[in-house]
């Protein structure tokens, strides 16, 4: 009966109720999006870093992977040393630089990556095949991303001219070469709008001449952690990381956990924005329900007095008013869930174009536990938002309210 009366009270003013439901839906969608933003970046970046099975990144001292074009010499000896450690399963060295690519009148600046195809963890091959290493160590084959193909208007099998920039300070002239595109790949850590190509590591080192001889920009290491629990895995990875930095003073070893912390520091603005807007959406939802229920109670004081006069207890009136808030909350959250998922996808597309971010990094990631907790919190808040007007309704003076109703 109380649910029926609560529903009838909401239907009495359909337009007002509808606007309140849509307002709650917007608040619920905003809260859901902000929770997805606050928790999604960390989960997405962790998934990105661990997708290829590498837990350690070894870079030149004091730099992040490909944060600059800094490289470290003695790459072959360094990689051999890393592979000699009994807890290291695989090592993937790579060298990154910027080259100029040209096809006819079209020219673009592209990120070039030298890797070993059998252990690489920087890209996923989509079409074609891996580039081969020619006997004379010159660049002749490469794989590229979709942006490279689009910008230059080329396709698999085409030949592209490559050159390095001339350095007047170092009195170095640019080096030139030609490359055949043999495959298309999605580069995991390259921004989506940046043209990129990959060749065998030795070929790129040879192409760069003295500036690339036996050098690398990054080495990713996979640590053997099979059969270990989470704590033991972290301990083993940390021991290997400390061993690398102790044995090789020229490099910095970064674990997945450390990399996540460093990226979160750079993206802290988004998390702070998420918490602020999420809290505001919760407050807006509470105020909206409180206002609507208060208006409804003010209009029905005589009706509520009649209920009290025929024997309905105060607790019954209190429950009926709070049921109105619950019904509003359920309707608003149901609509807000769908609205939030749609807007999250749209906003994620916009934020992924932020300069310098990897193509596979997502800002909004669905987390069932976090999402349901946030929506349940909004539902509880909406229900109890009617507590003040409900308490006022349960305390109405029956005789006075009936007399005022009769006079009116």
Protein backbone atom coordinates (compact mmCIF):
# COMPACT_ATOMS: atom_id res chain seq x y z
CA UNK A 1 0.00 0.00 0.00
CA UNK A 2 2.77 2.46 0.90
CA UNK A 3 4.48 1.82 -2.44
CA UNK A 4 1.19 2.43 -4.24
CA UNK A 5 0.64 5.72 -2.43
CA UNK A 6 4.24 6.79 -3.14
CA UNK A 7 3.80 5.99 -6.84
CA UNK A 8 0.50 7.88 -6.94
CA UNK A 9 2.15 10.93 -5.38
CA UNK A 10 4.84 10.92 -8.08
CA UNK A 11 2.28 10.51 -10.86
CA UNK A 12 0.32 13.51 -9.60
CA UNK A 13 2.85 15.86 -11.25
CA UNK A 14 4.23 13.84 -14.19
CA UNK A 15 6.27 16.64 -15.78
CA UNK A 16 7.96 17.55 -12.50
CA UNK A 17 8.69 13.90 -11.79
CA UNK A 18 10.04 13.35 -15.29
CA UNK A 19 12.39 16.33 -15.04
CA UNK A 20 13.59 15.11 -11.66
CA UNK A 21 14.28 11.63 -13.07
CA UNK A 22 16.27 13.07 -15.98
CA UNK A 23 18.20 15.30 -13.57
CA UNK A 24 19.07 12.26 -11.47
CA UNK A 25 20.01 10.35 -14.63
CA UNK A 26 22.49 13.06 -15.57
CA UNK A 27 23.92 13.04 -12.03
CA UNK A 28 24.17 9.23 -12.13
CA UNK A 29 25.85 9.28 -15.56
CA UNK A 30 28.37 11.88 -14.39
CA UNK A 31 29.12 9.92 -11.22
CA UNK A 32 29.58 6.69 -13.20
CA UNK A 33 31.86 8.38 -15.74
CA UNK A 34 33.99 9.93 -13.03
CA UNK A 35 34.36 6.61 -11.22
CA UNK A 36 35.36 4.97 -14.50
CA UNK A 37 37.86 7.78 -15.11
CA UNK A 38 39.36 7.61 -11.62
CA UNK A 39 39.86 3.84 -11.68
CA UNK A 40 40.16 3.23 -15.41
CA UNK A 41 43.48 4.91 -16.20
CA UNK A 42 45.41 2.79 -13.72
CA UNK A 43 43.77 -0.45 -14.88
CA UNK A 44 44.24 0.42 -18.55
CA UNK A 45 47.89 1.41 -18.17
CA UNK A 46 48.66 -1.72 -16.13
CA UNK A 47 47.03 -3.86 -18.80
CA UNK A 48 49.03 -2.04 -21.49
CA UNK A 49 52.37 -2.57 -19.71
CA UNK A 50 51.78 -6.22 -18.90
CA UNK A 51 50.12 -7.20 -22.20
CA UNK A 52 53.39 -8.55 -23.62
CA UNK A 53 54.61 -10.17 -20.40
CA UNK A 54 57.45 -7.73 -19.58
CA UNK A 55 57.64 -6.43 -16.00
CA UNK A 56 60.85 -4.33 -16.21
CA UNK A 57 61.92 -1.47 -18.48
CA UNK A 58 65.64 -0.63 -18.66
CA UNK A 59 66.38 2.88 -19.94
CA UNK A 60 69.32 5.30 -20.00
CA UNK A 61 69.94 6.78 -16.56
CA UNK A 62 67.27 9.28 -15.50
CA UNK A 63 64.90 8.92 -18.45
CA UNK A 64 61.53 7.29 -19.11
CA UNK A 65 61.10 4.96 -22.11
CA UNK A 66 61.37 7.07 -25.27
CA UNK A 67 60.78 10.23 -23.23
CA UNK A 68 63.77 11.62 -25.13
CA UNK A 69 66.04 10.24 -27.84
CA UNK A 70 68.66 9.33 -25.24
CA UNK A 71 70.31 5.95 -25.78
CA UNK A 72 72.91 3.82 -24.06
CA UNK A 73 76.00 2.31 -25.69
CA UNK A 74 77.30 -1.23 -25.37
CA UNK A 75 73.83 -2.56 -26.05
CA UNK A 76 74.94 -6.09 -26.99
CA UNK A 77 76.95 -6.58 -23.79
CA UNK A 78 74.19 -5.08 -21.66
CA UNK A 79 71.54 -7.36 -23.16
CA UNK A 80 73.80 -10.40 -22.74
CA UNK A 81 74.32 -9.49 -19.08
CA UNK A 82 70.56 -9.18 -18.49
CA UNK A 83 69.91 -12.52 -20.14
CA UNK A 84 72.53 -14.18 -17.95
CA UNK A 85 70.52 -13.57 -14.78
CA UNK A 86 68.77 -16.83 -13.78
CA UNK A 87 65.44 -15.08 -13.04
CA UNK A 88 65.27 -13.26 -16.39
CA UNK A 89 63.31 -15.19 -19.03
CA UNK A 90 63.43 -12.79 -22.00
CA UNK A 91 65.03 -9.47 -22.94
CA UNK A 92 63.76 -7.28 -25.78
CA UNK A 93 66.14 -4.43 -26.78
CA UNK A 94 64.94 -1.59 -28.99
CA UNK A 95 66.21 1.67 -30.43
CA UNK A 96 64.01 4.66 -31.20
CA UNK A 97 64.67 7.73 -33.31
CA UNK A 98 62.96 10.18 -35.64
CA UNK A 99 63.34 9.89 -39.42
CA UNK A 100 61.97 11.69 -42.44
CA UNK A 101 59.92 9.50 -44.77
CA UNK A 102 59.15 10.53 -48.35
CA UNK A 103 57.18 9.07 -51.23
CA UNK A 104 57.07 11.28 -54.29
CA UNK A 105 55.97 14.74 -53.19
CA UNK A 106 54.59 13.52 -49.84
CA UNK A 107 56.90 13.67 -46.79
CA UNK A 108 56.30 13.10 -43.08
CA UNK A 109 58.32 12.95 -39.89
CA UNK A 110 58.00 9.44 -38.40
CA UNK A 111 59.05 7.57 -35.28
CA UNK A 112 61.40 4.72 -36.22
CA UNK A 113 61.83 1.73 -33.94
CA UNK A 114 64.48 -0.96 -34.19
CA UNK A 115 63.46 -4.27 -32.59
CA UNK A 116 64.12 -8.00 -32.61
CA UNK A 117 60.95 -9.55 -34.01
CA UNK A 118 61.19 -12.79 -32.00
CA UNK A 119 61.09 -11.01 -28.60
CA UNK A 120 59.62 -7.58 -29.34
CA UNK A 121 56.78 -6.22 -27.20
CA UNK A 122 56.18 -2.85 -28.85
CA UNK A 123 53.64 -3.67 -31.55
CA UNK A 124 51.08 -6.16 -32.81
CA UNK A 125 51.27 -7.24 -36.45
CA UNK A 126 47.96 -6.70 -38.26
CA UNK A 127 48.78 -7.52 -41.88
CA UNK A 128 51.72 -8.68 -43.95
CA UNK A 129 54.82 -10.12 -42.29
CA UNK A 130 57.70 -9.22 -40.01
CA UNK A 131 60.63 -7.42 -41.68
CA UNK A 132 63.73 -9.52 -42.36
CA UNK A 133 67.33 -8.59 -41.57
CA UNK A 134 69.39 -8.29 -44.78
CA UNK A 135 72.90 -9.69 -44.86
CA UNK A 136 74.49 -6.26 -45.36
CA UNK A 137 72.57 -4.72 -42.41
CA UNK A 138 70.90 -1.98 -44.43
CA UNK A 139 67.30 -0.95 -44.01
CA UNK A 140 65.30 -2.61 -46.76
CA UNK A 141 62.14 -3.86 -45.08
CA UNK A 142 59.87 -2.34 -42.46
CA UNK A 143 56.40 -2.51 -40.98
CA UNK A 144 54.40 0.69 -40.44
CA UNK A 145 51.20 1.82 -38.71
CA UNK A 146 47.97 2.97 -40.35
CA UNK A 147 48.83 6.64 -39.84
CA UNK A 148 52.06 6.19 -41.82
CA UNK A 149 50.18 4.57 -44.69
CA UNK A 150 47.54 7.29 -44.72
CA UNK A 151 49.88 10.28 -44.46
CA UNK A 152 52.12 9.11 -47.29
CA UNK A 153 49.36 7.51 -49.36
CA UNK A 154 51.22 4.20 -49.61
CA UNK A 155 50.34 0.53 -49.15
CA UNK A 156 52.07 -2.77 -48.49
CA UNK A 157 54.76 -3.48 -51.07
CA UNK A 158 55.56 0.18 -51.78
CA UNK A 159 59.05 1.64 -51.41
CA UNK A 160 59.67 4.72 -49.25
CA UNK A 161 62.76 6.93 -48.95
CA UNK A 162 64.10 7.50 -45.41
CA UNK A 163 66.58 10.07 -44.17
CA UNK A 164 67.89 11.37 -40.88
CA UNK A 165 68.08 15.06 -40.10
CA UNK A 166 71.30 16.90 -40.72
CA UNK A 167 72.97 18.17 -37.51
CA UNK A 168 74.90 21.42 -38.01
CA UNK A 169 76.12 21.43 -34.38
CA UNK A 170 77.64 17.95 -34.65
CA UNK A 171 78.71 18.51 -38.27
CA UNK A 172 76.82 15.42 -39.35
CA UNK A 173 75.05 15.12 -42.66
CA UNK A 174 71.77 13.30 -42.91
CA UNK A 175 71.86 9.63 -43.86
CA UNK A 176 69.60 8.23 -46.55
CA UNK A 177 68.11 4.85 -47.40
CA UNK A 178 65.13 3.11 -48.95
CA UNK A 179 62.68 0.77 -47.31
CA UNK A 180 60.03 -1.64 -48.57
CA UNK A 181 56.82 -1.80 -46.52
CA UNK A 182 56.13 -5.49 -45.80
CA UNK A 183 53.53 -5.23 -43.03
CA UNK A 184 51.10 -3.09 -41.05
CA UNK A 185 51.15 -3.04 -37.24
CA UNK A 186 49.50 -1.37 -34.27
CA UNK A 187 52.20 0.20 -32.09
CA UNK A 188 51.24 -0.13 -28.43
CA UNK A 189 53.10 2.87 -27.04
CA UNK A 190 52.96 5.27 -29.99
CA UNK A 191 50.33 8.07 -30.02
CA UNK A 192 47.60 7.30 -32.58
CA UNK A 193 48.29 10.34 -34.76
CA UNK A 194 52.06 9.76 -35.06
CA UNK A 195 53.42 7.93 -38.14
CA UNK A 196 55.62 5.03 -37.02
CA UNK A 197 57.69 2.26 -38.56
CA UNK A 198 59.74 -0.64 -37.26
CA UNK A 199 62.78 -2.38 -38.69
CA UNK A 200 65.21 -4.97 -37.33
CA UNK A 201 67.36 -3.49 -34.57
CA UNK A 202 70.67 -4.15 -36.33
CA UNK A 203 69.39 -2.56 -39.53
CA UNK A 204 68.37 0.66 -37.77
CA UNK A 205 71.68 0.80 -35.86
CA UNK A 206 73.57 0.45 -39.15
CA UNK A 207 71.37 3.06 -40.84
CA UNK A 208 72.10 5.63 -38.12
CA UNK A 209 75.85 5.12 -38.47
CA UNK A 210 78.06 6.23 -35.58
CA UNK A 211 75.12 7.66 -33.65
CA UNK A 212 73.41 4.27 -33.56
CA UNK A 213 76.34 1.85 -33.38
CA UNK A 214 75.66 -0.80 -30.70
CA UNK A 215 73.15 1.48 -28.97
CA UNK A 216 69.63 1.01 -27.63
CA UNK A 217 66.96 3.24 -26.14
CA UNK A 218 65.12 0.60 -24.12
CA UNK A 219 65.33 -3.01 -23.03
CA UNK A 220 62.28 -4.79 -21.65
CA UNK A 221 62.87 -7.77 -19.38
CA UNK A 222 60.50 -10.58 -18.42
CA UNK A 223 61.06 -12.08 -14.96
CA UNK A 224 60.22 -15.71 -14.19
CA UNK A 225 57.35 -15.58 -11.70
CA UNK A 226 55.35 -18.72 -12.54
CA UNK A 227 53.99 -20.48 -9.47
CA UNK A 228 54.57 -17.53 -7.13
CA UNK A 229 51.90 -15.60 -5.28
CA UNK A 230 51.48 -11.85 -5.82
CA UNK A 231 53.78 -10.83 -2.94
CA UNK A 232 56.53 -13.24 -4.00
CA UNK A 233 56.26 -12.01 -7.59
CA UNK A 234 56.73 -8.41 -6.51
CA UNK A 235 59.73 -9.37 -4.37
CA UNK A 236 61.45 -11.25 -7.19
CA UNK A 237 60.84 -8.45 -9.70
CA UNK A 238 62.21 -5.91 -7.22
CA UNK A 239 65.33 -8.03 -6.59
CA UNK A 240 66.03 -8.25 -10.31
CA UNK A 241 65.45 -4.52 -10.70
CA UNK A 242 67.93 -3.70 -7.91
CA UNK A 243 70.48 -6.11 -9.42
CA UNK A 244 70.24 -4.38 -12.79
CA UNK A 245 70.82 -0.92 -11.31
CA UNK A 246 73.68 -2.22 -9.14
CA UNK A 247 75.45 -4.02 -11.98
CA UNK A 248 74.86 -1.32 -14.61
CA UNK A 249 75.17 2.23 -13.31
CA UNK A 250 74.42 3.76 -16.73
CA UNK A 251 70.81 2.64 -16.76
CA UNK A 252 67.62 2.93 -14.74
CA UNK A 253 65.39 -0.12 -14.23
CA UNK A 254 61.69 0.70 -13.94
CA UNK A 255 59.17 -1.86 -12.76
CA UNK A 256 55.55 -1.89 -13.88
CA UNK A 257 54.43 -0.56 -10.49
CA UNK A 258 56.91 2.33 -10.65
CA UNK A 259 55.88 3.17 -14.22
CA UNK A 260 52.22 3.27 -13.18
CA UNK A 261 53.03 5.66 -10.32
CA UNK A 262 55.03 7.95 -12.64
CA UNK A 263 52.26 8.05 -15.24
CA UNK A 264 49.64 8.69 -12.56
CA UNK A 265 51.67 11.68 -11.40
CA UNK A 266 51.52 13.09 -14.92
CA UNK A 267 47.80 12.39 -15.20
CA UNK A 268 46.90 13.39 -11.64
CA UNK A 269 44.78 16.24 -13.01
CA UNK A 270 42.29 13.78 -14.49
CA UNK A 271 41.94 11.85 -11.22
CA UNK A 272 41.43 15.05 -9.21
CA UNK A 273 38.85 16.24 -11.73
CA UNK A 274 37.10 12.89 -11.50
CA UNK A 275 36.82 13.01 -7.70
CA UNK A 276 35.58 16.62 -7.69
CA UNK A 277 32.94 16.10 -10.38
CA UNK A 278 31.89 12.78 -8.85
CA UNK A 279 31.32 14.41 -5.47
CA UNK A 280 29.39 17.26 -7.11
CA UNK A 281 27.13 14.81 -8.96
CA UNK A 282 26.33 13.09 -5.68
CA UNK A 283 25.49 16.41 -3.99
CA UNK A 284 23.35 17.49 -6.95
CA UNK A 285 21.40 14.23 -6.83
CA UNK A 286 20.71 14.63 -3.10
CA UNK A 287 19.59 18.25 -3.46
CA UNK A 288 17.34 17.40 -6.40
CA UNK A 289 15.51 14.64 -4.53
CA UNK A 290 15.27 16.71 -1.35
CA UNK A 291 13.74 19.63 -3.23
CA UNK A 292 11.18 17.54 -5.10
CA UNK A 293 10.08 15.55 -2.06
CA UNK A 294 9.83 18.73 0.02
CA UNK A 295 7.54 20.30 -2.59
CA UNK A 296 5.43 17.15 -2.64
CA UNK A 297 5.15 17.08 1.17
CA UNK A 298 4.16 20.77 1.35
CA UNK A 299 1.38 20.17 -1.14
CA UNK A 300 0.05 17.10 0.71
CA UNK A 301 0.14 18.09 4.37
CA UNK A 302 -3.65 17.72 4.57
CA UNK A 303 -3.51 14.29 2.94
CA UNK A 304 -0.78 13.16 5.31
CA UNK A 305 -2.79 14.49 8.27
CA UNK A 306 -5.76 12.35 7.16
CA UNK A 307 -3.51 9.28 7.07
CA UNK A 308 -2.37 10.02 10.58
CA UNK A 309 -5.98 10.61 11.68
CA UNK A 310 -7.15 7.19 10.44
CA UNK A 311 -4.41 5.44 12.37
CA UNK A 312 -1.34 5.28 10.07
CA UNK A 313 1.69 5.44 12.37
CA UNK A 314 4.45 8.02 12.00
CA UNK A 315 6.83 5.32 10.83
CA UNK A 316 4.39 4.49 8.02
CA UNK A 317 4.31 8.09 6.80
CA UNK A 318 8.10 8.28 7.06
CA UNK A 319 8.50 5.11 4.97
CA UNK A 320 6.05 6.31 2.33
CA UNK A 321 7.90 9.59 1.77
CA UNK A 322 11.29 7.86 1.65
CA UNK A 323 9.86 5.38 -0.87
CA UNK A 324 9.28 8.32 -3.20
CA UNK A 325 12.98 9.14 -3.03
CA UNK A 326 13.83 5.48 -3.66
CA UNK A 327 11.59 5.32 -6.73
CA UNK A 328 13.09 8.50 -8.15
CA UNK A 329 16.57 7.17 -7.52
CA UNK A 330 15.89 3.81 -9.18
CA UNK A 331 14.41 5.44 -12.29
CA UNK A 332 17.21 8.01 -12.56
CA UNK A 333 20.02 5.48 -12.03
CA UNK A 334 18.56 3.04 -14.56
CA UNK A 335 18.54 5.71 -17.26
CA UNK A 336 21.85 7.16 -16.03
CA UNK A 337 23.63 3.81 -16.38
CA UNK A 338 23.02 3.69 -20.12
CA UNK A 339 23.67 7.40 -20.54
CA UNK A 340 26.94 7.12 -18.61
CA UNK A 341 28.26 4.27 -20.76
CA UNK A 342 27.48 6.18 -23.96
CA UNK A 343 29.11 9.41 -22.80
CA UNK A 344 32.12 7.50 -21.42
CA UNK A 345 32.78 6.03 -24.84
CA UNK A 346 32.50 9.45 -26.47
CA UNK A 347 34.76 11.14 -23.92
CA UNK A 348 37.29 8.31 -24.14
CA UNK A 349 37.60 8.91 -27.89
CA UNK A 350 38.33 12.59 -27.27
CA UNK A 351 40.89 12.06 -24.49
CA UNK A 352 42.77 9.35 -26.38
CA UNK A 353 43.80 12.05 -28.86
CA UNK A 354 45.68 13.85 -26.07
CA UNK A 355 49.26 14.46 -27.39
CA UNK A 356 51.93 11.97 -26.37
CA UNK A 357 49.64 9.22 -25.05
CA UNK A 358 49.81 5.62 -26.29
CA UNK A 359 47.15 4.59 -28.75
CA UNK A 360 45.92 1.73 -26.58
CA UNK A 361 45.53 3.74 -23.37
CA UNK A 362 41.91 4.07 -22.25
CA UNK A 363 40.71 6.68 -19.77
CA UNK A 364 37.27 5.23 -19.08
CA UNK A 365 37.32 1.55 -18.19
CA UNK A 366 34.30 -0.32 -16.88
CA UNK A 367 34.91 -1.67 -13.40
CA UNK A 368 31.85 -3.57 -12.21
CA UNK A 369 32.64 -3.35 -8.52
CA UNK A 370 33.47 0.37 -8.51
CA UNK A 371 30.53 1.25 -10.78
CA UNK A 372 27.90 -0.61 -8.77
CA UNK A 373 29.26 0.75 -5.51
CA UNK A 374 29.03 4.33 -6.78
CA UNK A 375 25.51 3.87 -8.17
CA UNK A 376 24.39 2.14 -4.98
CA UNK A 377 25.79 5.08 -3.03
CA UNK A 378 23.75 7.48 -5.16
CA UNK A 379 20.63 5.35 -4.69
CA UNK A 380 21.06 5.29 -0.92
CA UNK A 381 21.72 9.04 -0.91
CA UNK A 382 18.59 9.65 -3.01
CA UNK A 383 16.52 7.52 -0.64
CA UNK A 384 17.73 9.27 2.47
CA UNK A 385 17.53 12.67 0.76
CA UNK A 386 13.84 12.56 1.58
CA UNK A 387 14.54 11.94 5.26
CA UNK A 388 14.16 15.59 6.33
CA UNK A 389 10.85 16.23 4.53
CA UNK A 390 9.68 12.74 5.58
CA UNK A 391 10.47 13.48 9.23
CA UNK A 392 8.57 16.77 8.89
CA UNK A 393 5.59 14.95 7.38
CA UNK A 394 5.57 12.33 10.13
CA UNK A 395 5.52 15.10 12.76
CA UNK A 396 2.60 16.99 11.26
CA UNK A 397 0.00 18.14 13.78
CA UNK A 398 -3.14 16.37 12.71
CA UNK A 399 -5.80 18.77 14.06
CA UNK A 400 -4.02 21.91 12.85
CA UNK A 401 -3.32 20.47 9.39
CA UNK A 402 -6.94 19.34 8.95
CA UNK A 403 -8.27 22.75 10.07
CA UNK A 404 -5.96 24.60 7.63
CA UNK A 405 -6.95 22.20 4.87
CA UNK A 406 -10.66 22.82 5.57
CA UNK A 407 -10.19 26.60 5.59
CA UNK A 408 -8.24 26.46 2.32
